[in-house]
Amino acid sequence: MAIKKTTGKSVSKDYSILSQLRGLRSQWLATAIGGIIGAIVPVLVYRIAHYHVEATPALWLIVAGGLLFSASSVYGWGLKLFGAWYKAGGFTLLIELSTVFVEGWESYVALSVLCLINAVNMSHALVIGNRAAKRK
């Protein structure tokens, strides 16, 4: 969600998922950078949760931070897709926790969805920030 400043007031502009994707078509650099930054968080959470926390339990703090970062984006998409807070919350819990606690192909599917959502959100945030900076 982008915040637009007009005459001292903040007005929230809600972008649909398709408008976010359309806005990235001509912004290849922001899309690439945002894609890398957005996708790295779920990948790190997956790798740390599945391969490192058993040896060092304190790493659960890093996993929790990554889940928090990602969950806000997933919840926003869930609200746009399903329209109800409880469905968005259920979707968020399902996708986020499947990545961390489930073994097998299901966790890879959840990880792929998380990478997509976070990559698009981060890329879109970079594009919106770049457009706002050009207007000044």
Protein backbone atom coordinates (compact mmCIF):
# COMPACT_ATOMS: atom_id res chain seq x y z
CA MET A 1 0.00 0.00 0.00
CA ALA A 2 1.43 3.38 -0.96
CA ILE A 3 0.93 6.60 0.92
CA LYS A 4 0.31 9.70 -1.15
CA LYS A 5 0.88 13.12 0.43
CA THR A 6 -1.48 15.88 -0.59
CA THR A 7 -1.64 19.24 1.13
CA GLY A 8 -0.27 17.96 4.39
CA LYS A 9 -2.67 14.99 4.62
CA SER A 10 -1.73 11.38 4.02
CA VAL A 11 -4.05 9.54 1.65
CA SER A 12 -3.65 5.79 1.35
CA LYS A 13 -3.84 4.44 -2.19
CA ASP A 14 -4.63 0.75 -2.43
CA TYR A 15 -3.17 -0.98 -5.48
CA SER A 16 -4.72 -4.18 -6.77
CA ILE A 17 -2.47 -7.16 -7.40
CA LEU A 18 -2.87 -6.82 -11.17
CA SER A 19 -2.10 -3.09 -11.09
CA GLN A 20 1.07 -3.87 -9.12
CA LEU A 21 2.13 -6.36 -11.80
CA ARG A 22 1.28 -3.97 -14.65
CA GLY A 23 3.28 -1.20 -12.99
CA LEU A 24 6.41 -3.37 -13.07
CA ARG A 25 6.42 -4.03 -16.83
CA SER A 26 8.57 -1.07 -17.81
CA GLN A 27 10.60 -0.88 -14.60
CA TRP A 28 13.07 -3.72 -15.09
CA LEU A 29 15.72 -2.48 -12.64
CA ALA A 30 13.29 -1.95 -9.76
CA THR A 31 11.67 -5.28 -10.57
CA ALA A 32 15.00 -7.10 -10.48
CA ILE A 33 16.20 -5.44 -7.26
CA GLY A 34 12.82 -5.77 -5.55
CA GLY A 35 12.53 -9.37 -6.69
CA ILE A 36 15.87 -10.28 -5.18
CA ILE A 37 15.28 -8.43 -1.91
CA GLY A 38 11.69 -9.65 -1.60
CA ALA A 39 12.47 -13.29 -2.37
CA ILE A 40 15.56 -13.57 -0.18
CA VAL A 41 13.59 -13.27 3.07
CA PRO A 42 11.37 -16.35 2.57
CA VAL A 43 14.33 -18.35 1.24
CA LEU A 44 16.43 -17.49 4.29
CA VAL A 45 13.56 -18.28 6.65
CA TYR A 46 13.09 -21.66 4.97
CA ARG A 47 16.80 -22.54 5.04
CA ILE A 48 17.33 -21.42 8.63
CA ALA A 49 14.18 -23.19 9.91
CA HIS A 50 14.92 -26.46 8.12
CA TYR A 51 18.70 -26.70 8.38
CA HIS A 52 20.10 -24.51 11.17
CA VAL A 53 17.76 -24.03 14.15
CA GLU A 54 18.27 -27.53 15.49
CA ALA A 55 21.93 -26.76 16.14
CA THR A 56 21.32 -23.19 17.31
CA PRO A 57 17.80 -22.65 18.75
CA ALA A 58 18.38 -18.90 19.10
CA LEU A 59 18.01 -18.71 15.31
CA TRP A 60 14.24 -19.00 15.82
CA LEU A 61 14.40 -15.23 16.44
CA ILE A 62 15.62 -14.73 12.87
CA VAL A 63 12.87 -17.03 11.60
CA ALA A 64 10.26 -15.05 13.58
CA GLY A 65 11.56 -11.77 12.13
CA GLY A 66 11.38 -13.13 8.60
CA LEU A 67 7.87 -14.43 9.18
CA LEU A 68 6.79 -11.04 10.48
CA PHE A 69 8.31 -9.27 7.47
CA SER A 70 6.64 -11.62 5.02
CA ALA A 71 3.29 -12.04 6.81
CA SER A 72 2.35 -8.39 6.37
CA SER A 73 2.66 -8.70 2.58
CA VAL A 74 0.86 -12.05 2.45
CA TYR A 75 -1.97 -10.75 4.64
CA GLY A 76 -2.39 -7.71 2.36
CA TRP A 77 -2.62 -9.95 -0.68
CA GLY A 78 -5.04 -12.23 1.18
CA LEU A 79 -7.33 -9.28 1.91
CA LYS A 80 -7.28 -8.29 -1.76
CA LEU A 81 -7.91 -11.85 -2.94
CA PHE A 82 -10.50 -13.02 -0.43
CA GLY A 83 -12.01 -9.80 0.96
CA ALA A 84 -12.40 -11.11 4.53
CA TRP A 85 -9.89 -10.68 7.35
CA TYR A 86 -10.34 -14.23 8.65
CA LYS A 87 -9.67 -15.75 5.22
CA ALA A 88 -6.66 -13.51 4.75
CA GLY A 89 -5.38 -14.50 8.20
CA GLY A 90 -5.92 -18.19 7.51
CA PHE A 91 -4.16 -17.93 4.17
CA THR A 92 -1.25 -16.12 5.81
CA LEU A 93 -0.88 -18.73 8.55
CA LEU A 94 -1.17 -21.58 6.06
CA ILE A 95 1.47 -20.26 3.66
CA GLU A 96 3.92 -18.90 6.24
CA LEU A 97 3.83 -21.84 8.63
CA SER A 98 3.86 -24.44 5.85
CA THR A 99 7.18 -23.02 4.76
CA VAL A 100 8.65 -23.37 8.24
CA PHE A 101 7.12 -26.53 9.72
CA VAL A 102 6.19 -28.79 6.79
CA GLU A 103 8.63 -31.14 5.06
CA GLY A 104 8.32 -32.14 1.40
CA TRP A 105 6.85 -30.67 -1.73
CA GLU A 106 4.18 -28.69 0.17
CA SER A 107 6.83 -26.50 1.76
CA TYR A 108 8.35 -25.82 -1.68
CA VAL A 109 4.97 -24.73 -3.03
CA ALA A 110 4.46 -22.43 -0.03
CA LEU A 111 8.00 -21.06 -0.44
CA SER A 112 7.35 -20.32 -4.13
CA VAL A 113 4.14 -18.44 -3.30
CA LEU A 114 5.94 -16.44 -0.60
CA CYS A 115 8.78 -15.56 -2.97
CA LEU A 116 6.30 -14.35 -5.60
CA ILE A 117 4.24 -12.23 -3.19
CA ASN A 118 7.24 -10.66 -1.47
CA ALA A 119 9.09 -10.05 -4.75
CA VAL A 120 6.11 -8.26 -6.33
CA ASN A 121 5.42 -6.20 -3.19
CA MET A 122 9.04 -5.11 -2.82
CA SER A 123 9.40 -4.34 -6.54
CA HIS A 124 6.19 -2.33 -6.52
CA ALA A 125 7.32 -0.38 -3.46
CA LEU A 126 10.56 0.52 -5.26
CA VAL A 127 8.68 1.66 -8.37
CA ILE A 128 6.23 3.79 -6.37
CA GLY A 129 9.11 5.31 -4.38
CA ASN A 130 11.00 6.06 -7.60
CA ARG A 131 7.97 7.74 -9.19
CA ALA A 132 7.41 9.86 -6.06
CA ALA A 133 11.07 10.94 -6.06
CA LYS A 134 10.85 11.96 -9.74
CA ARG A 135 7.82 14.18 -9.03
CA LYS A 136 9.72 16.27 -6.46
